[in-house]
Amino acid sequence: MNKVDLKSFLDEKVELYNNPKFIESDPIQIPHLYSLKEDIEIAGFLSATIAWGNRKMIIKNAHQMMHLMGNAPYDFVMSHNEDNLERLENFVHRTFNGLDFASFIKGLEHIYKNHNGLEFVFSKNQEKDSMQKSISEFKKLFFQIPHQNRTQKHISDPLNNSAAKRLNMMLRWFCRKDTKGVDLGIWESISPALLSCPLDVHSGNVARKLGLLTRNQNDAKALSELDKSLRLLDAKDPVKYDFALFGLGVFEGF
């Protein structure tokens, strides 16, 4: 498939999957529950954090996270006490447990009280062609609070050769703006042109079959290669092709 045909094929798949029906089976439905910017951010961040494994279980457990915070995530983060955190003790999603959840609440409180919130933290370390340094710097800041070492594994570091799939997905949710109603587009300070595709087994396999990616591992080097390929197709909004790659892999078994 030549570049023109490939772009046409993928654009068609973006149109097919980038619509409100996508929300029904995707964790992005959780931040869509809210209208306050900070509620959307915290709901999106926590939902993205546990977005690995069975999608129905991810969504079920993300709803449970919101319920445990009284369905008011920003208020819970900013005004919780130790008694409130005790109610999180029994939460579990795969290896993310109640202690991790409590640490994440404290990390978010640190970000909002001392560093002007999630958007400011991510926007101040963006580079001219990538958000990967920004993700790495966010992780350092987030874990300045006391925490168990095990909890750090739940935020990936691109500068440690991770593809950081979940945070790249969150950035797509918050930074992409279109008229389709899926991505939330609440962050003005980060251009969609800087975003990277959330690289996982599905999108990676499809990208390789289409000749967009040659590296076998789904790591930071593969992400950089995929970035270059997708930017050639649409320099202003490369990550829209996540809908095509994911849809082809998950829904069509491409």
C-alpha atoms as a PDB file:
ATOM      1  CA  MET A   1       0.000   0.000   0.000  1.00  0.00           C
ATOM      2  CA  ASN A   2       1.515   3.358  -0.987  1.00  0.00           C
ATOM      3  CA  LYS A   3       1.383   6.385   1.303  1.00  0.00           C
ATOM      4  CA  VAL A   4      -1.666   7.931  -0.392  1.00  0.00           C
ATOM      5  CA  ASP A   5      -3.652   4.695  -0.205  1.00  0.00           C
ATOM      6  CA  LEU A   6      -2.519   4.048   3.370  1.00  0.00           C
ATOM      7  CA  LYS A   7      -3.594   7.522   4.505  1.00  0.00           C
ATOM      8  CA  SER A   8      -6.960   7.127   2.767  1.00  0.00           C
ATOM      9  CA  PHE A   9      -7.479   3.697   4.379  1.00  0.00           C
ATOM     10  CA  LEU A  10      -6.584   4.913   7.863  1.00  0.00           C
ATOM     11  CA  ASP A  11      -8.607   8.136   7.543  1.00  0.00           C
ATOM     12  CA  GLU A  12     -11.618   5.994   6.672  1.00  0.00           C
ATOM     13  CA  LYS A  13     -11.074   3.890   9.809  1.00  0.00           C
ATOM     14  CA  VAL A  14     -10.691   7.015  11.960  1.00  0.00           C
ATOM     15  CA  GLU A  15     -14.099   8.165  10.699  1.00  0.00           C
ATOM     16  CA  LEU A  16     -15.555   4.742  11.475  1.00  0.00           C
ATOM     17  CA  TYR A  17     -14.387   4.571  15.092  1.00  0.00           C
ATOM     18  CA  ASN A  18     -14.033   8.203  16.225  1.00  0.00           C
ATOM     19  CA  ASN A  19     -17.666   8.729  17.165  1.00  0.00           C
ATOM     20  CA  PRO A  20     -19.753   8.677  20.373  1.00  0.00           C
ATOM     21  CA  LYS A  21     -20.448   4.920  20.081  1.00  0.00           C
ATOM     22  CA  PHE A  22     -16.748   4.377  20.844  1.00  0.00           C
ATOM     23  CA  ILE A  23     -17.303   5.811  24.336  1.00  0.00           C
ATOM     24  CA  GLU A  24     -19.713   3.013  25.305  1.00  0.00           C
ATOM     25  CA  SER A  25     -16.960   0.382  25.455  1.00  0.00           C
ATOM     26  CA  ASP A  26     -13.957   2.525  26.384  1.00  0.00           C
ATOM     27  CA  PRO A  27     -12.582   3.882  29.700  1.00  0.00           C
ATOM     28  CA  ILE A  28     -12.923   7.412  28.303  1.00  0.00           C
ATOM     29  CA  GLN A  29     -16.548   7.158  29.436  1.00  0.00           C
ATOM     30  CA  ILE A  30     -15.398   7.808  33.028  1.00  0.00           C
ATOM     31  CA  PRO A  31     -14.107  11.395  32.574  1.00  0.00           C
ATOM     32  CA  HIS A  32     -17.132  12.032  30.343  1.00  0.00           C
ATOM     33  CA  LEU A  33     -19.267  11.729  33.485  1.00  0.00           C
ATOM     34  CA  TYR A  34     -18.046  15.109  34.728  1.00  0.00           C
ATOM     35  CA  SER A  35     -18.193  18.765  33.701  1.00  0.00           C
ATOM     36  CA  LEU A  36     -15.739  20.428  36.121  1.00  0.00           C
ATOM     37  CA  LYS A  37     -12.285  20.496  34.549  1.00  0.00           C
ATOM     38  CA  GLU A  38     -10.506  19.133  37.629  1.00  0.00           C
ATOM     39  CA  ASP A  39     -13.034  16.313  38.025  1.00  0.00           C
ATOM     40  CA  ILE A  40     -12.486  15.353  34.373  1.00  0.00           C
ATOM     41  CA  GLU A  41      -8.709  15.419  34.849  1.00  0.00           C
ATOM     42  CA  ILE A  42      -8.650  13.289  37.985  1.00  0.00           C
ATOM     43  CA  ALA A  43     -11.248  10.824  36.676  1.00  0.00           C
ATOM     44  CA  GLY A  44      -9.309  10.532  33.411  1.00  0.00           C
ATOM     45  CA  PHE A  45      -5.930  10.144  35.090  1.00  0.00           C
ATOM     46  CA  LEU A  46      -7.119   7.433  37.483  1.00  0.00           C
ATOM     47  CA  SER A  47      -9.043   5.591  34.757  1.00  0.00           C
ATOM     48  CA  ALA A  48      -6.019   5.674  32.457  1.00  0.00           C
ATOM     49  CA  THR A  49      -3.830   4.415  35.314  1.00  0.00           C
ATOM     50  CA  ILE A  50      -5.758   1.141  35.536  1.00  0.00           C
ATOM     51  CA  ALA A  51      -6.338   0.812  31.763  1.00  0.00           C
ATOM     52  CA  TRP A  52      -4.719  -2.534  31.189  1.00  0.00           C
ATOM     53  CA  GLY A  53      -6.333  -5.945  30.953  1.00  0.00           C
ATOM     54  CA  ASN A  54      -9.985  -6.697  30.214  1.00  0.00           C
ATOM     55  CA  ARG A  55     -11.793  -3.538  29.088  1.00  0.00           C
ATOM     56  CA  LYS A  56     -15.063  -4.371  30.856  1.00  0.00           C
ATOM     57  CA  MET A  57     -13.155  -4.905  34.098  1.00  0.00           C
ATOM     58  CA  ILE A  58     -11.221  -1.648  33.607  1.00  0.00           C
ATOM     59  CA  ILE A  59     -14.482   0.273  33.208  1.00  0.00           C
ATOM     60  CA  LYS A  60     -16.153  -1.503  36.135  1.00  0.00           C
ATOM     61  CA  ASN A  61     -13.217  -0.788  38.448  1.00  0.00           C
ATOM     62  CA  ALA A  62     -12.861   2.811  37.260  1.00  0.00           C
ATOM     63  CA  HIS A  63     -16.526   3.376  38.150  1.00  0.00           C
ATOM     64  CA  GLN A  64     -15.764   1.832  41.528  1.00  0.00           C
ATOM     65  CA  MET A  65     -12.896   4.307  42.020  1.00  0.00           C
ATOM     66  CA  MET A  66     -15.283   7.201  41.377  1.00  0.00           C
ATOM     67  CA  HIS A  67     -17.847   5.712  43.790  1.00  0.00           C
ATOM     68  CA  LEU A  68     -15.225   5.409  46.539  1.00  0.00           C
ATOM     69  CA  MET A  69     -14.504   9.118  46.103  1.00  0.00           C
ATOM     70  CA  GLY A  70     -18.179  10.010  46.430  1.00  0.00           C
ATOM     71  CA  ASN A  71     -18.339  10.687  42.674  1.00  0.00           C
ATOM     72  CA  ALA A  72     -16.615  14.000  43.397  1.00  0.00           C
ATOM     73  CA  PRO A  73     -12.947  13.233  42.607  1.00  0.00           C
ATOM     74  CA  TYR A  74     -11.514  16.753  42.871  1.00  0.00           C
ATOM     75  CA  ASP A  75     -13.260  17.459  46.157  1.00  0.00           C
ATOM     76  CA  PHE A  76     -12.070  14.112  47.520  1.00  0.00           C
ATOM     77  CA  VAL A  77      -8.459  14.771  46.485  1.00  0.00           C
ATOM     78  CA  MET A  78      -8.407  18.250  48.002  1.00  0.00           C
ATOM     79  CA  SER A  79     -10.274  17.600  51.253  1.00  0.00           C
ATOM     80  CA  HIS A  80      -9.685  13.929  52.153  1.00  0.00           C
ATOM     81  CA  ASN A  81      -8.414  12.777  55.542  1.00  0.00           C
ATOM     82  CA  GLU A  82      -6.934   9.484  56.690  1.00  0.00           C
ATOM     83  CA  ASP A  83     -10.364   8.097  57.542  1.00  0.00           C
ATOM     84  CA  ASN A  84     -11.500   8.784  53.973  1.00  0.00           C
ATOM     85  CA  LEU A  85      -8.464   6.943  52.617  1.00  0.00           C
ATOM     86  CA  GLU A  86      -9.314   3.864  54.698  1.00  0.00           C
ATOM     87  CA  ARG A  87     -12.353   3.244  52.493  1.00  0.00           C
ATOM     88  CA  LEU A  88      -9.965   2.715  49.563  1.00  0.00           C
ATOM     89  CA  GLU A  89      -8.141  -0.166  51.292  1.00  0.00           C
ATOM     90  CA  ASN A  90     -10.057  -2.995  49.625  1.00  0.00           C
ATOM     91  CA  PHE A  91      -9.868  -1.616  46.089  1.00  0.00           C
ATOM     92  CA  VAL A  92      -7.925  -3.768  43.641  1.00  0.00           C
ATOM     93  CA  HIS A  93      -7.382  -3.791  39.895  1.00  0.00           C
ATOM     94  CA  ARG A  94      -4.821  -6.411  38.938  1.00  0.00           C
ATOM     95  CA  THR A  95      -1.645  -5.227  40.726  1.00  0.00           C
ATOM     96  CA  PHE A  96      -3.021  -1.761  41.574  1.00  0.00           C
ATOM     97  CA  ASN A  97      -4.339  -1.988  45.135  1.00  0.00           C
ATOM     98  CA  GLY A  98      -5.821   0.202  47.850  1.00  0.00           C
ATOM     99  CA  LEU A  99      -2.434   1.388  49.113  1.00  0.00           C
ATOM    100  CA  ASP A 100      -1.537   2.465  45.589  1.00  0.00           C
ATOM    101  CA  PHE A 101      -4.897   4.236  45.264  1.00  0.00           C
ATOM    102  CA  ALA A 102      -4.304   6.160  48.504  1.00  0.00           C
ATOM    103  CA  SER A 103      -0.808   7.161  47.343  1.00  0.00           C
ATOM    104  CA  PHE A 104      -2.262   8.384  44.056  1.00  0.00           C
ATOM    105  CA  ILE A 105      -4.775  10.553  45.925  1.00  0.00           C
ATOM    106  CA  LYS A 106      -1.914  12.109  47.896  1.00  0.00           C
ATOM    107  CA  GLY A 107       0.153  12.550  44.749  1.00  0.00           C
ATOM    108  CA  LEU A 108      -2.740  14.329  43.046  1.00  0.00           C
ATOM    109  CA  GLU A 109      -3.242  16.546  46.107  1.00  0.00           C
ATOM    110  CA  HIS A 110       0.453  17.474  45.897  1.00  0.00           C
ATOM    111  CA  ILE A 111       0.088  18.348  42.189  1.00  0.00           C
ATOM    112  CA  TYR A 112      -3.019  20.503  42.668  1.00  0.00           C
ATOM    113  CA  LYS A 113      -1.998  22.223  45.894  1.00  0.00           C
ATOM    114  CA  ASN A 114       1.648  22.898  45.077  1.00  0.00           C
ATOM    115  CA  HIS A 115       2.037  22.797  41.289  1.00  0.00           C
ATOM    116  CA  ASN A 116      -1.076  24.382  39.762  1.00  0.00           C
ATOM    117  CA  GLY A 117      -2.680  21.141  38.609  1.00  0.00           C
ATOM    118  CA  LEU A 118      -2.163  18.447  36.007  1.00  0.00           C
ATOM    119  CA  GLU A 119      -2.327  20.619  32.893  1.00  0.00           C
ATOM    120  CA  PHE A 120       0.316  23.025  34.153  1.00  0.00           C
ATOM    121  CA  VAL A 121       2.682  20.200  35.135  1.00  0.00           C
ATOM    122  CA  PHE A 122       2.408  18.457  31.770  1.00  0.00           C
ATOM    123  CA  SER A 123       2.578  21.653  29.726  1.00  0.00           C
ATOM    124  CA  LYS A 124       5.721  23.104  31.268  1.00  0.00           C
ATOM    125  CA  ASN A 125       8.037  20.292  30.144  1.00  0.00           C
ATOM    126  CA  GLN A 126       6.741  19.740  26.630  1.00  0.00           C
ATOM    127  CA  GLU A 127       9.326  19.607  23.855  1.00  0.00           C
ATOM    128  CA  LYS A 128       8.960  20.793  20.257  1.00  0.00           C
ATOM    129  CA  ASP A 129       8.047  17.341  18.924  1.00  0.00           C
ATOM    130  CA  SER A 130       7.184  15.163  21.921  1.00  0.00           C
ATOM    131  CA  MET A 131       5.478  14.904  25.310  1.00  0.00           C
ATOM    132  CA  GLN A 132       7.684  12.079  26.555  1.00  0.00           C
ATOM    133  CA  LYS A 133      10.024  14.225  28.678  1.00  0.00           C
ATOM    134  CA  SER A 134       6.927  15.834  30.164  1.00  0.00           C
ATOM    135  CA  ILE A 135       5.594  12.431  31.228  1.00  0.00           C
ATOM    136  CA  SER A 136       8.945  11.589  32.822  1.00  0.00           C
ATOM    137  CA  GLU A 137       9.078  14.874  34.734  1.00  0.00           C
ATOM    138  CA  PHE A 138       5.470  14.408  35.866  1.00  0.00           C
ATOM    139  CA  LYS A 139       6.381  11.050  37.398  1.00  0.00           C
ATOM    140  CA  LYS A 140       9.226  12.615  39.409  1.00  0.00           C
ATOM    141  CA  LEU A 141       6.937  15.338  40.741  1.00  0.00           C
ATOM    142  CA  PHE A 142       4.048  12.993  41.467  1.00  0.00           C
ATOM    143  CA  PHE A 143       6.185  10.745  43.666  1.00  0.00           C
ATOM    144  CA  GLN A 144       7.717  13.511  45.774  1.00  0.00           C
ATOM    145  CA  ILE A 145       5.171  12.526  48.436  1.00  0.00           C
ATOM    146  CA  PRO A 146       5.900   9.591  50.782  1.00  0.00           C
ATOM    147  CA  HIS A 147       4.933   6.355  49.042  1.00  0.00           C
ATOM    148  CA  GLN A 148       5.799   2.681  48.768  1.00  0.00           C
ATOM    149  CA  ASN A 149       8.369   1.865  46.094  1.00  0.00           C
ATOM    150  CA  ARG A 150       5.978  -0.624  44.489  1.00  0.00           C
ATOM    151  CA  THR A 151       3.523   2.181  43.660  1.00  0.00           C
ATOM    152  CA  GLN A 152       5.982   3.792  41.235  1.00  0.00           C
ATOM    153  CA  LYS A 153       5.500   0.988  38.724  1.00  0.00           C
ATOM    154  CA  HIS A 154       1.997   2.274  38.001  1.00  0.00           C
ATOM    155  CA  ILE A 155       3.367   5.322  36.183  1.00  0.00           C
ATOM    156  CA  SER A 156       5.703   4.554  33.300  1.00  0.00           C
ATOM    157  CA  ASP A 157       8.792   6.579  32.425  1.00  0.00           C
ATOM    158  CA  PRO A 158       9.440   7.105  28.687  1.00  0.00           C
ATOM    159  CA  LEU A 159      13.038   8.093  29.454  1.00  0.00           C
ATOM    160  CA  ASN A 160      13.441   4.597  30.875  1.00  0.00           C
ATOM    161  CA  ASN A 161      12.409   3.195  27.464  1.00  0.00           C
ATOM    162  CA  SER A 162       8.705   2.714  28.253  1.00  0.00           C
ATOM    163  CA  ALA A 163       6.035   3.423  25.635  1.00  0.00           C
ATOM    164  CA  ALA A 164       3.948   4.944  28.478  1.00  0.00           C
ATOM    165  CA  LYS A 165       0.761   3.797  26.767  1.00  0.00           C
ATOM    166  CA  ARG A 166      -1.651   4.849  29.507  1.00  0.00           C
ATOM    167  CA  LEU A 167      -0.434   8.427  29.963  1.00  0.00           C
ATOM    168  CA  ASN A 168      -0.168   8.934  26.207  1.00  0.00           C
ATOM    169  CA  MET A 169      -3.788   7.802  26.015  1.00  0.00           C
ATOM    170  CA  MET A 170      -4.756  10.262  28.745  1.00  0.00           C
ATOM    171  CA  LEU A 171      -3.015  13.072  26.871  1.00  0.00           C
ATOM    172  CA  ARG A 172      -5.023  12.183  23.764  1.00  0.00           C
ATOM    173  CA  TRP A 173      -8.221  12.412  25.805  1.00  0.00           C
ATOM    174  CA  PHE A 174      -7.351  15.821  27.239  1.00  0.00           C
ATOM    175  CA  CYS A 175      -5.568  17.548  24.339  1.00  0.00           C
ATOM    176  CA  ARG A 176      -7.308  16.426  21.140  1.00  0.00           C
ATOM    177  CA  LYS A 177     -10.134  18.632  19.925  1.00  0.00           C
ATOM    178  CA  ASP A 178     -12.465  17.616  17.137  1.00  0.00           C
ATOM    179  CA  THR A 179     -16.195  17.644  16.509  1.00  0.00           C
ATOM    180  CA  LYS A 180     -16.736  13.928  17.078  1.00  0.00           C
ATOM    181  CA  GLY A 181     -17.436  14.042  20.800  1.00  0.00           C
ATOM    182  CA  VAL A 182     -14.991  11.355  21.954  1.00  0.00           C
ATOM    183  CA  ASP A 183     -11.808  13.112  23.089  1.00  0.00           C
ATOM    184  CA  LEU A 184     -12.484  15.796  25.660  1.00  0.00           C
ATOM    185  CA  GLY A 185     -10.145  18.566  24.460  1.00  0.00           C
ATOM    186  CA  ILE A 186     -10.010  20.394  27.806  1.00  0.00           C
ATOM    187  CA  TRP A 187      -6.310  21.338  27.685  1.00  0.00           C
ATOM    188  CA  GLU A 188      -5.443  24.385  25.589  1.00  0.00           C
ATOM    189  CA  SER A 189      -1.735  24.567  26.408  1.00  0.00           C
ATOM    190  CA  ILE A 190      -0.588  21.401  24.591  1.00  0.00           C
ATOM    191  CA  SER A 191      -0.847  21.024  20.826  1.00  0.00           C
ATOM    192  CA  PRO A 192      -2.276  17.737  19.488  1.00  0.00           C
ATOM    193  CA  ALA A 193       0.699  17.789  17.083  1.00  0.00           C
ATOM    194  CA  LEU A 194       2.949  16.768  20.019  1.00  0.00           C
ATOM    195  CA  LEU A 195       0.940  13.724  21.050  1.00  0.00           C
ATOM    196  CA  SER A 196       1.991  10.091  20.676  1.00  0.00           C
ATOM    197  CA  CYS A 197      -0.187   7.099  19.896  1.00  0.00           C
ATOM    198  CA  PRO A 198      -0.954   4.907  22.927  1.00  0.00           C
ATOM    199  CA  LEU A 199       1.172   1.964  21.832  1.00  0.00           C
ATOM    200  CA  ASP A 200      -0.035  -1.453  22.980  1.00  0.00           C
ATOM    201  CA  VAL A 201      -0.154  -4.971  21.582  1.00  0.00           C
ATOM    202  CA  HIS A 202      -3.145  -4.187  19.336  1.00  0.00           C
ATOM    203  CA  SER A 203      -1.980  -0.883  17.851  1.00  0.00           C
ATOM    204  CA  GLY A 204       1.590  -2.183  17.599  1.00  0.00           C
ATOM    205  CA  ASN A 205       0.640  -5.308  15.670  1.00  0.00           C
ATOM    206  CA  VAL A 206      -1.579  -3.369  13.256  1.00  0.00           C
ATOM    207  CA  ALA A 207       1.115  -0.711  12.758  1.00  0.00           C
ATOM    208  CA  ARG A 208       3.641  -3.412  11.845  1.00  0.00           C
ATOM    209  CA  LYS A 209       1.285  -5.064   9.364  1.00  0.00           C
ATOM    210  CA  LEU A 210       0.728  -1.683   7.699  1.00  0.00           C
ATOM    211  CA  GLY A 211       4.447  -0.879   7.532  1.00  0.00           C
ATOM    212  CA  LEU A 212       4.221   2.017   9.991  1.00  0.00           C
ATOM    213  CA  LEU A 213       6.486   0.283  12.503  1.00  0.00           C
ATOM    214  CA  THR A 214       9.385  -2.171  12.162  1.00  0.00           C
ATOM    215  CA  ARG A 215      10.657  -2.490  15.742  1.00  0.00           C
ATOM    216  CA  ASN A 216       9.397  -5.646  17.465  1.00  0.00           C
ATOM    217  CA  GLN A 217       9.172  -4.381  21.062  1.00  0.00           C
ATOM    218  CA  ASN A 218       6.447  -1.973  22.165  1.00  0.00           C
ATOM    219  CA  ASP A 219       8.848   0.430  23.872  1.00  0.00           C
ATOM    220  CA  ALA A 220       9.907   4.090  23.690  1.00  0.00           C
ATOM    221  CA  LYS A 221      12.030   3.496  20.589  1.00  0.00           C
ATOM    222  CA  ALA A 222       9.071   1.895  18.823  1.00  0.00           C
ATOM    223  CA  LEU A 223       6.876   4.813  19.887  1.00  0.00           C
ATOM    224  CA  SER A 224       9.344   7.288  18.388  1.00  0.00           C
ATOM    225  CA  GLU A 225       9.337   5.335  15.120  1.00  0.00           C
ATOM    226  CA  LEU A 226       5.534   5.206  15.047  1.00  0.00           C
ATOM    227  CA  ASP A 227       5.389   8.947  15.824  1.00  0.00           C
ATOM    228  CA  LYS A 228       7.463   9.697  12.738  1.00  0.00           C
ATOM    229  CA  SER A 229       5.241   7.517  10.538  1.00  0.00           C
ATOM    230  CA  LEU A 230       1.980   9.011  11.800  1.00  0.00           C
ATOM    231  CA  ARG A 231       3.277  12.592  11.587  1.00  0.00           C
ATOM    232  CA  LEU A 232       3.887  12.014   7.867  1.00  0.00           C
ATOM    233  CA  LEU A 233       0.184  11.186   7.503  1.00  0.00           C
ATOM    234  CA  ASP A 234      -1.081  14.127   9.588  1.00  0.00           C
ATOM    235  CA  ALA A 235       1.427  16.458  11.212  1.00  0.00           C
ATOM    236  CA  LYS A 236      -1.234  18.451  13.069  1.00  0.00           C
ATOM    237  CA  ASP A 237      -3.172  15.539  14.576  1.00  0.00           C
ATOM    238  CA  PRO A 238      -1.134  12.331  14.299  1.00  0.00           C
ATOM    239  CA  VAL A 239      -2.712  10.617  17.284  1.00  0.00           C
ATOM    240  CA  LYS A 240      -6.154  10.516  15.658  1.00  0.00           C
ATOM    241  CA  TYR A 241      -4.843   7.359  14.009  1.00  0.00           C
ATOM    242  CA  ASP A 242      -5.045   5.656  17.392  1.00  0.00           C
ATOM    243  CA  PHE A 243      -8.735   5.160  16.597  1.00  0.00           C
ATOM    244  CA  ALA A 244      -7.837   3.405  13.342  1.00  0.00           C
ATOM    245  CA  LEU A 245      -5.044   1.211  14.725  1.00  0.00           C
ATOM    246  CA  PHE A 246      -6.995   0.274  17.858  1.00  0.00           C
ATOM    247  CA  GLY A 247     -10.230  -0.328  15.972  1.00  0.00           C
ATOM    248  CA  LEU A 248      -8.535  -2.478  13.354  1.00  0.00           C
ATOM    249  CA  GLY A 249      -6.848  -4.550  16.048  1.00  0.00           C
ATOM    250  CA  VAL A 250      -9.609  -4.909  18.642  1.00  0.00           C
ATOM    251  CA  PHE A 251     -12.816  -4.765  16.618  1.00  0.00           C
ATOM    252  CA  GLU A 252     -11.678  -6.181  13.278  1.00  0.00           C
ATOM    253  CA  GLY A 253      -8.875  -8.551  14.261  1.00  0.00           C
ATOM    254  CA  PHE A 254      -6.755  -7.070  11.465  1.00  0.00           C
END
